Amino acid sequence: MRVKDVMVGTPISCSPETNLAAAVEMFWNRNCGILPVLGSGGKLQGVITDRDVCIALGTRNRLASDLTVADVMTGRLVSCFEDGDIRSAVEVMRREGVRRLPVLGMDGTLKGVLSMDDIVRHSSDAGPNPELPYEEVMTAFKSIYTHHLPKLVRTNSAVA
């Protein structure tokens, strides 16, 4: 099974100059949690998630319309190719701890978005050798959703 068989092939995207208010409207209207960020020439520069926006607005004391996607986007690119094997994409998601991947064509253009939701819907235990085994998907899903809390540093405080 190929990534293109599972992905959502009509992605919405934004530019680094898009303000966060407009990005939030895109999230709302398309019922999605990720926007690929495309720079000049349609090249993927990063992604912004609904969580990125939430944390930015909660920590900066600024209006959404005063911040741009470039101010808060994730520049670390993790993606897959539309003709790639779906099991390889699941492994990338597990290893990188991400729930969504921008999907690129061989020419580097954005073709879609692959999410764990899409993968779970396509997983199966039917037949002797399912293309996307339910158990394999659930193992990746659990790994991605494991909470990694920051370590607290204990200090010895003297009682006065």
N, C-alpha and C. Protein backbone atom coordinates (compact mmCIF):
# COMPACT_ATOMS: atom_id res chain seq x y z
N MET A 1 0.85 -1.17 0.00
CA MET A 1 0.00 0.00 0.00
C MET A 1 0.90 1.24 0.00
N ARG A 2 0.56 2.19 -0.81
CA ARG A 2 1.32 3.43 -0.96
C ARG A 2 0.71 4.55 -0.13
N VAL A 3 1.53 5.53 0.22
CA VAL A 3 1.07 6.68 0.99
C VAL A 3 -0.10 7.36 0.29
N LYS A 4 -0.04 7.48 -1.04
CA LYS A 4 -1.10 8.17 -1.78
C LYS A 4 -2.45 7.46 -1.66
N ASP A 5 -2.44 6.17 -1.27
CA ASP A 5 -3.69 5.43 -1.10
C ASP A 5 -4.38 5.77 0.21
N VAL A 6 -3.67 6.41 1.12
CA VAL A 6 -4.17 6.65 2.47
C VAL A 6 -4.30 8.14 2.78
N MET A 7 -3.44 8.95 2.22
CA MET A 7 -3.36 10.38 2.56
C MET A 7 -4.60 11.16 2.14
N VAL A 8 -4.73 12.36 2.71
CA VAL A 8 -5.71 13.33 2.25
C VAL A 8 -5.01 14.13 1.16
N GLY A 9 -5.55 14.09 -0.04
CA GLY A 9 -4.88 14.66 -1.18
C GLY A 9 -5.26 16.08 -1.54
N THR A 10 -6.00 16.74 -0.68
CA THR A 10 -6.38 18.13 -0.95
C THR A 10 -5.94 19.00 0.22
N PRO A 11 -4.61 19.15 0.39
CA PRO A 11 -4.15 19.89 1.55
C PRO A 11 -4.35 21.39 1.41
N ILE A 12 -4.58 22.01 2.52
CA ILE A 12 -4.58 23.47 2.56
C ILE A 12 -3.21 23.85 3.11
N SER A 13 -2.67 24.93 2.65
CA SER A 13 -1.36 25.36 3.12
C SER A 13 -1.38 26.86 3.36
N CYS A 14 -0.31 27.36 3.93
CA CYS A 14 -0.19 28.78 4.16
C CYS A 14 1.24 29.20 3.86
N SER A 15 1.50 30.48 3.97
CA SER A 15 2.85 31.00 3.74
C SER A 15 3.42 31.47 5.07
N PRO A 16 4.71 31.69 5.13
CA PRO A 16 5.31 32.20 6.37
C PRO A 16 4.73 33.56 6.78
N GLU A 17 4.22 34.33 5.82
CA GLU A 17 3.69 35.66 6.11
C GLU A 17 2.24 35.64 6.60
N THR A 18 1.57 34.50 6.51
CA THR A 18 0.18 34.38 6.98
C THR A 18 0.13 34.72 8.46
N ASN A 19 -0.85 35.53 8.88
CA ASN A 19 -0.94 35.81 10.32
C ASN A 19 -1.68 34.67 11.02
N LEU A 20 -1.47 34.54 12.32
CA LEU A 20 -2.03 33.40 13.04
C LEU A 20 -3.55 33.40 13.07
N ALA A 21 -4.17 34.58 13.04
CA ALA A 21 -5.64 34.62 12.99
C ALA A 21 -6.14 33.94 11.71
N ALA A 22 -5.49 34.22 10.60
CA ALA A 22 -5.88 33.59 9.33
C ALA A 22 -5.59 32.08 9.37
N ALA A 23 -4.48 31.69 9.98
CA ALA A 23 -4.15 30.26 10.10
C ALA A 23 -5.20 29.53 10.93
N VAL A 24 -5.62 30.15 12.03
CA VAL A 24 -6.65 29.53 12.87
C VAL A 24 -7.95 29.37 12.10
N GLU A 25 -8.29 30.34 11.28
CA GLU A 25 -9.49 30.23 10.46
C GLU A 25 -9.37 29.05 9.49
N MET A 26 -8.17 28.84 8.94
CA MET A 26 -7.94 27.70 8.05
C MET A 26 -8.12 26.38 8.81
N PHE A 27 -7.56 26.30 10.01
CA PHE A 27 -7.73 25.10 10.84
C PHE A 27 -9.23 24.83 11.05
N TRP A 28 -9.95 25.85 11.40
CA TRP A 28 -11.38 25.73 11.71
C TRP A 28 -12.17 25.30 10.47
N ASN A 29 -11.97 26.02 9.36
CA ASN A 29 -12.76 25.75 8.16
C ASN A 29 -12.47 24.39 7.54
N ARG A 30 -11.25 23.90 7.67
CA ARG A 30 -10.89 22.62 7.06
C ARG A 30 -10.86 21.48 8.08
N ASN A 31 -11.16 21.79 9.34
CA ASN A 31 -11.17 20.77 10.40
C ASN A 31 -9.86 19.98 10.39
N CYS A 32 -8.76 20.71 10.43
CA CYS A 32 -7.45 20.06 10.42
C CYS A 32 -6.59 20.62 11.54
N GLY A 33 -5.49 19.98 11.82
CA GLY A 33 -4.61 20.41 12.89
C GLY A 33 -3.21 20.73 12.44
N ILE A 34 -2.97 20.73 11.13
CA ILE A 34 -1.65 21.02 10.59
C ILE A 34 -1.81 21.79 9.28
N LEU A 35 -0.91 22.74 9.09
CA LEU A 35 -0.83 23.46 7.82
C LEU A 35 0.61 23.40 7.33
N PRO A 36 0.84 22.80 6.18
CA PRO A 36 2.17 22.91 5.59
C PRO A 36 2.44 24.37 5.25
N VAL A 37 3.66 24.81 5.45
CA VAL A 37 4.06 26.18 5.17
C VAL A 37 4.90 26.17 3.90
N LEU A 38 4.38 26.85 2.86
CA LEU A 38 5.06 26.88 1.57
C LEU A 38 5.69 28.24 1.34
N GLY A 39 6.95 28.22 0.95
CA GLY A 39 7.65 29.45 0.63
C GLY A 39 7.57 29.74 -0.85
N SER A 40 8.48 30.57 -1.31
CA SER A 40 8.49 30.95 -2.72
C SER A 40 8.67 29.72 -3.60
N GLY A 41 7.95 29.70 -4.68
CA GLY A 41 8.02 28.57 -5.60
C GLY A 41 7.27 27.34 -5.11
N GLY A 42 6.48 27.50 -4.03
CA GLY A 42 5.71 26.37 -3.51
C GLY A 42 6.53 25.33 -2.78
N LYS A 43 7.74 25.69 -2.35
CA LYS A 43 8.61 24.75 -1.65
C LYS A 43 8.24 24.66 -0.18
N LEU A 44 8.15 23.45 0.33
CA LEU A 44 7.82 23.22 1.74
C LEU A 44 8.94 23.76 2.63
N GLN A 45 8.56 24.66 3.54
CA GLN A 45 9.53 25.24 4.47
C GLN A 45 9.37 24.73 5.89
N GLY A 46 8.21 24.23 6.21
CA GLY A 46 7.94 23.75 7.56
C GLY A 46 6.46 23.48 7.71
N VAL A 47 6.03 23.35 8.95
CA VAL A 47 4.61 23.15 9.25
C VAL A 47 4.26 23.98 10.48
N ILE A 48 2.97 24.25 10.61
CA ILE A 48 2.45 24.85 11.83
C ILE A 48 1.26 24.01 12.25
N THR A 49 1.16 23.75 13.54
CA THR A 49 0.05 22.96 14.07
C THR A 49 -0.82 23.82 14.96
N ASP A 50 -2.02 23.32 15.22
CA ASP A 50 -2.91 24.03 16.12
C ASP A 50 -2.27 24.17 17.50
N ARG A 51 -1.47 23.20 17.90
CA ARG A 51 -0.76 23.26 19.18
C ARG A 51 0.29 24.37 19.17
N ASP A 52 1.02 24.52 18.07
CA ASP A 52 2.00 25.60 17.95
C ASP A 52 1.32 26.96 18.18
N VAL A 53 0.16 27.15 17.58
CA VAL A 53 -0.57 28.40 17.71
C VAL A 53 -1.01 28.61 19.15
N CYS A 54 -1.55 27.57 19.74
CA CYS A 54 -2.06 27.65 21.12
C CYS A 54 -0.94 28.05 22.09
N ILE A 55 0.20 27.41 21.98
CA ILE A 55 1.31 27.70 22.87
C ILE A 55 1.84 29.11 22.60
N ALA A 56 1.95 29.50 21.35
CA ALA A 56 2.44 30.84 21.01
C ALA A 56 1.53 31.92 21.61
N LEU A 57 0.24 31.75 21.44
CA LEU A 57 -0.68 32.77 21.94
C LEU A 57 -0.76 32.76 23.47
N GLY A 58 -0.58 31.61 24.06
CA GLY A 58 -0.63 31.51 25.51
C GLY A 58 0.62 32.01 26.21
N THR A 59 1.72 32.15 25.47
CA THR A 59 2.99 32.54 26.11
C THR A 59 3.52 33.89 25.68
N ARG A 60 2.90 34.51 24.69
CA ARG A 60 3.47 35.76 24.15
C ARG A 60 2.64 37.00 24.44
N ASN A 61 1.44 36.84 24.96
CA ASN A 61 0.58 37.98 25.29
C ASN A 61 0.43 38.94 24.11
N ARG A 62 0.16 38.37 22.94
CA ARG A 62 -0.03 39.17 21.72
C ARG A 62 -1.25 38.65 20.98
N LEU A 63 -1.83 39.49 20.17
CA LEU A 63 -2.98 39.10 19.36
C LEU A 63 -2.54 38.18 18.23
N ALA A 64 -3.41 37.26 17.86
CA ALA A 64 -3.11 36.33 16.77
C ALA A 64 -2.81 37.08 15.47
N SER A 65 -3.48 38.18 15.26
CA SER A 65 -3.26 38.94 14.03
C SER A 65 -1.93 39.68 14.02
N ASP A 66 -1.26 39.76 15.18
CA ASP A 66 0.04 40.43 15.27
C ASP A 66 1.22 39.48 15.07
N LEU A 67 0.96 38.20 15.03
CA LEU A 67 2.02 37.20 14.85
C LEU A 67 1.85 36.53 13.49
N THR A 68 2.97 36.16 12.89
CA THR A 68 2.91 35.44 11.62
C THR A 68 3.25 33.97 11.84
N VAL A 69 2.92 33.18 10.86
CA VAL A 69 3.26 31.77 10.89
C VAL A 69 4.77 31.59 11.05
N ALA A 70 5.56 32.43 10.39
CA ALA A 70 7.03 32.35 10.49
C ALA A 70 7.51 32.54 11.93
N ASP A 71 6.75 33.28 12.74
CA ASP A 71 7.14 33.52 14.13
C ASP A 71 7.07 32.25 14.98
N VAL A 72 6.21 31.31 14.59
CA VAL A 72 5.98 30.15 15.47
C VAL A 72 6.05 28.79 14.79
N MET A 73 6.23 28.75 13.48
CA MET A 73 6.19 27.47 12.76
C MET A 73 7.36 26.56 13.16
N THR A 74 7.15 25.30 12.95
CA THR A 74 8.19 24.31 13.14
C THR A 74 8.97 24.21 11.83
N GLY A 75 10.24 24.52 11.89
CA GLY A 75 11.06 24.49 10.69
C GLY A 75 11.68 23.13 10.41
N ARG A 76 11.61 22.25 11.41
CA ARG A 76 12.16 20.90 11.24
C ARG A 76 11.26 20.13 10.27
N LEU A 77 11.82 19.77 9.14
CA LEU A 77 11.02 19.11 8.11
C LEU A 77 11.07 17.60 8.25
N VAL A 78 9.91 17.03 8.44
CA VAL A 78 9.75 15.58 8.42
C VAL A 78 8.61 15.34 7.45
N SER A 79 8.87 14.61 6.38
CA SER A 79 7.85 14.39 5.36
C SER A 79 8.01 13.00 4.77
N CYS A 80 7.14 12.68 3.84
CA CYS A 80 7.24 11.42 3.11
C CYS A 80 6.82 11.68 1.67
N PHE A 81 6.99 10.67 0.84
CA PHE A 81 6.65 10.79 -0.58
C PHE A 81 5.37 10.02 -0.88
N GLU A 82 4.58 10.54 -1.80
CA GLU A 82 3.29 9.94 -2.14
C GLU A 82 3.42 8.51 -2.65
N ASP A 83 4.53 8.18 -3.30
CA ASP A 83 4.72 6.83 -3.81
C ASP A 83 5.45 5.92 -2.82
N GLY A 84 5.73 6.46 -1.63
CA GLY A 84 6.41 5.68 -0.61
C GLY A 84 5.51 4.62 0.00
N ASP A 85 6.11 3.62 0.60
CA ASP A 85 5.38 2.55 1.27
C ASP A 85 4.76 3.09 2.56
N ILE A 86 3.51 2.78 2.80
CA ILE A 86 2.80 3.29 3.97
C ILE A 86 3.45 2.82 5.27
N ARG A 87 3.96 1.61 5.28
CA ARG A 87 4.59 1.10 6.50
C ARG A 87 5.87 1.88 6.82
N SER A 88 6.58 2.31 5.81
CA SER A 88 7.77 3.15 6.02
C SER A 88 7.36 4.51 6.59
N ALA A 89 6.26 5.06 6.10
CA ALA A 89 5.77 6.34 6.62
C ALA A 89 5.36 6.21 8.08
N VAL A 90 4.72 5.10 8.42
CA VAL A 90 4.33 4.85 9.82
C VAL A 90 5.58 4.79 10.70
N GLU A 91 6.62 4.15 10.20
CA GLU A 91 7.87 4.06 10.96
C GLU A 91 8.50 5.45 11.15
N VAL A 92 8.45 6.29 10.13
CA VAL A 92 8.96 7.66 10.26
C VAL A 92 8.18 8.41 11.34
N MET A 93 6.86 8.27 11.32
CA MET A 93 6.03 8.94 12.32
C MET A 93 6.36 8.45 13.72
N ARG A 94 6.54 7.15 13.87
CA ARG A 94 6.88 6.58 15.17
C ARG A 94 8.23 7.10 15.65
N ARG A 95 9.21 7.04 14.78
CA ARG A 95 10.58 7.44 15.14
C ARG A 95 10.66 8.92 15.48
N GLU A 96 9.96 9.75 14.71
CA GLU A 96 10.03 11.20 14.90
C GLU A 96 9.01 11.73 15.90
N GLY A 97 8.06 10.87 16.32
CA GLY A 97 7.06 11.29 17.29
C GLY A 97 6.07 12.30 16.75
N VAL A 98 5.70 12.15 15.48
CA VAL A 98 4.73 13.07 14.87
C VAL A 98 3.49 12.31 14.43
N ARG A 99 2.36 12.99 14.45
CA ARG A 99 1.09 12.39 14.08
C ARG A 99 0.67 12.70 12.66
N ARG A 100 1.39 13.64 12.03
CA ARG A 100 1.02 14.06 10.67
C ARG A 100 2.28 14.33 9.87
N LEU A 101 2.22 14.01 8.59
CA LEU A 101 3.35 14.26 7.70
C LEU A 101 2.88 14.94 6.42
N PRO A 102 3.56 15.99 6.00
CA PRO A 102 3.31 16.49 4.66
C PRO A 102 3.76 15.43 3.65
N VAL A 103 3.02 15.29 2.59
CA VAL A 103 3.34 14.30 1.56
C VAL A 103 3.79 15.05 0.31
N LEU A 104 4.94 14.67 -0.19
CA LEU A 104 5.52 15.33 -1.36
C LEU A 104 5.51 14.42 -2.57
N GLY A 105 5.45 15.05 -3.74
CA GLY A 105 5.64 14.33 -4.98
C GLY A 105 7.13 14.21 -5.23
N MET A 106 7.50 13.45 -6.22
CA MET A 106 8.93 13.26 -6.53
C MET A 106 9.59 14.57 -6.94
N ASP A 107 8.80 15.54 -7.37
CA ASP A 107 9.35 16.85 -7.75
C ASP A 107 9.44 17.81 -6.56
N GLY A 108 9.06 17.33 -5.37
CA GLY A 108 9.16 18.14 -4.16
C GLY A 108 7.95 19.01 -3.86
N THR A 109 6.92 18.93 -4.71
CA THR A 109 5.72 19.73 -4.46
C THR A 109 4.79 19.02 -3.47
N LEU A 110 4.04 19.81 -2.74
CA LEU A 110 3.11 19.28 -1.76
C LEU A 110 1.95 18.58 -2.46
N LYS A 111 1.71 17.34 -2.07
CA LYS A 111 0.63 16.56 -2.67
C LYS A 111 -0.50 16.25 -1.69
N GLY A 112 -0.20 16.27 -0.40
CA GLY A 112 -1.21 15.93 0.59
C GLY A 112 -0.64 15.93 1.98
N VAL A 113 -1.45 15.42 2.91
CA VAL A 113 -1.04 15.25 4.30
C VAL A 113 -1.47 13.86 4.74
N LEU A 114 -0.57 13.18 5.41
CA LEU A 114 -0.85 11.86 5.96
C LEU A 114 -0.95 12.00 7.47
N SER A 115 -2.04 11.51 8.04
CA SER A 115 -2.21 11.59 9.49
C SER A 115 -2.40 10.19 10.08
N MET A 116 -2.13 10.09 11.38
CA MET A 116 -2.37 8.82 12.06
C MET A 116 -3.83 8.44 11.97
N ASP A 117 -4.73 9.41 11.97
CA ASP A 117 -6.15 9.11 11.82
C ASP A 117 -6.41 8.35 10.52
N ASP A 118 -5.79 8.83 9.42
CA ASP A 118 -5.96 8.17 8.12
C ASP A 118 -5.40 6.74 8.18
N ILE A 119 -4.26 6.60 8.81
CA ILE A 119 -3.59 5.30 8.90
C ILE A 119 -4.43 4.31 9.70
N VAL A 120 -4.95 4.76 10.84
CA VAL A 120 -5.78 3.88 11.67
C VAL A 120 -7.00 3.42 10.89
N ARG A 121 -7.62 4.33 10.14
CA ARG A 121 -8.81 3.96 9.36
C ARG A 121 -8.51 2.92 8.29
N HIS A 122 -7.26 2.89 7.80
CA HIS A 122 -6.89 1.95 6.74
C HIS A 122 -6.23 0.67 7.26
N SER A 123 -5.98 0.60 8.56
CA SER A 123 -5.34 -0.59 9.10
C SER A 123 -6.35 -1.73 9.18
N SER A 124 -5.84 -2.96 9.21
CA SER A 124 -6.72 -4.12 9.18
C SER A 124 -6.01 -5.35 9.74
N ASP A 125 -6.80 -6.28 10.20
CA ASP A 125 -6.29 -7.60 10.56
C ASP A 125 -6.89 -8.67 9.67
N ALA A 126 -7.53 -8.22 8.59
CA ALA A 126 -8.19 -9.15 7.67
C ALA A 126 -7.15 -9.87 6.81
N GLY A 127 -7.35 -11.14 6.64
CA GLY A 127 -6.47 -11.93 5.78
C GLY A 127 -5.17 -12.32 6.48
N PRO A 128 -4.42 -13.19 5.86
CA PRO A 128 -3.18 -13.68 6.48
C PRO A 128 -2.06 -12.65 6.50
N ASN A 129 -2.00 -11.75 5.52
CA ASN A 129 -0.94 -10.75 5.44
C ASN A 129 -1.52 -9.38 5.08
N PRO A 130 -2.14 -8.70 6.05
CA PRO A 130 -2.71 -7.38 5.73
C PRO A 130 -1.60 -6.40 5.35
N GLU A 131 -1.91 -5.50 4.44
CA GLU A 131 -0.91 -4.52 3.98
C GLU A 131 -0.52 -3.55 5.09
N LEU A 132 -1.44 -3.25 5.96
CA LEU A 132 -1.22 -2.32 7.06
C LEU A 132 -1.78 -2.95 8.33
N PRO A 133 -0.98 -3.82 8.97
CA PRO A 133 -1.48 -4.57 10.12
C PRO A 133 -1.85 -3.68 11.30
N TYR A 134 -3.03 -3.96 11.84
CA TYR A 134 -3.55 -3.21 12.97
C TYR A 134 -2.55 -3.16 14.13
N GLU A 135 -1.94 -4.27 14.47
CA GLU A 135 -1.01 -4.32 15.60
C GLU A 135 0.20 -3.40 15.38
N GLU A 136 0.72 -3.39 14.18
CA GLU A 136 1.87 -2.53 13.84
C GLU A 136 1.49 -1.05 13.96
N VAL A 137 0.30 -0.71 13.50
CA VAL A 137 -0.17 0.67 13.58
C VAL A 137 -0.38 1.07 15.03
N MET A 138 -0.95 0.20 15.82
CA MET A 138 -1.20 0.52 17.23
C MET A 138 0.11 0.67 18.01
N THR A 139 1.11 -0.10 17.68
CA THR A 139 2.42 0.04 18.33
C THR A 139 3.00 1.42 18.03
N ALA A 140 2.93 1.85 16.78
CA ALA A 140 3.41 3.18 16.41
C ALA A 140 2.57 4.26 17.09
N PHE A 141 1.27 4.07 17.08
CA PHE A 141 0.34 5.03 17.67
C PHE A 141 0.65 5.23 19.16
N LYS A 142 0.85 4.16 19.86
CA LYS A 142 1.18 4.25 21.30
C LYS A 142 2.50 4.95 21.52
N SER A 143 3.47 4.68 20.68
CA SER A 143 4.78 5.31 20.80
C SER A 143 4.68 6.82 20.58
N ILE A 144 3.93 7.22 19.60
CA ILE A 144 3.77 8.64 19.28
C ILE A 144 3.05 9.37 20.41
N TYR A 145 2.06 8.73 20.99
CA TYR A 145 1.24 9.37 22.01
C TYR A 145 1.79 9.23 23.43
N THR A 146 2.95 8.63 23.59
CA THR A 146 3.55 8.55 24.91
C THR A 146 3.98 9.95 25.32
N HIS A 147 3.56 10.36 26.49
CA HIS A 147 3.90 11.70 26.97
C HIS A 147 5.35 11.75 27.43
N HIS A 148 6.04 12.73 26.94
CA HIS A 148 7.42 12.95 27.33
C HIS A 148 7.47 14.26 28.11
N LEU A 149 7.31 14.14 29.42
CA LEU A 149 7.28 15.33 30.26
C LEU A 149 8.70 15.80 30.56
N PRO A 150 8.86 17.11 30.72
CA PRO A 150 10.20 17.60 31.06
C PRO A 150 10.61 17.09 32.43
N LYS A 151 11.90 16.86 32.59
CA LYS A 151 12.40 16.38 33.87
C LYS A 151 12.45 17.54 34.85
N LEU A 152 12.02 17.29 36.05
CA LEU A 152 12.07 18.31 37.08
C LEU A 152 13.40 18.19 37.81
N VAL A 153 13.99 19.31 38.08
CA VAL A 153 15.25 19.32 38.80
C VAL A 153 14.94 19.56 40.27
N ARG A 154 15.36 18.62 41.09
CA ARG A 154 15.15 18.78 42.52
C ARG A 154 16.31 19.54 43.13
N THR A 155 15.97 20.44 43.99
CA THR A 155 17.00 21.18 44.71
C THR A 155 16.78 21.00 46.20
N ASN A 156 17.85 21.00 46.92
CA ASN A 156 17.75 20.93 48.39
C ASN A 156 17.60 22.34 48.91
N SER A 157 16.49 22.60 49.54
CA SER A 157 16.31 23.94 50.09
C SER A 157 16.45 23.88 51.59
N ALA A 158 17.12 24.83 52.12
CA ALA A 158 17.32 24.90 53.57
C ALA A 158 16.11 25.52 54.22
N VAL A 159 15.71 24.99 55.31
CA VAL A 159 14.59 25.54 56.06
C VAL A 159 15.14 26.64 56.96
N ALA A 160 14.56 27.82 56.88
CA ALA A 160 15.07 28.97 57.66
C ALA A 160 14.55 28.97 59.06
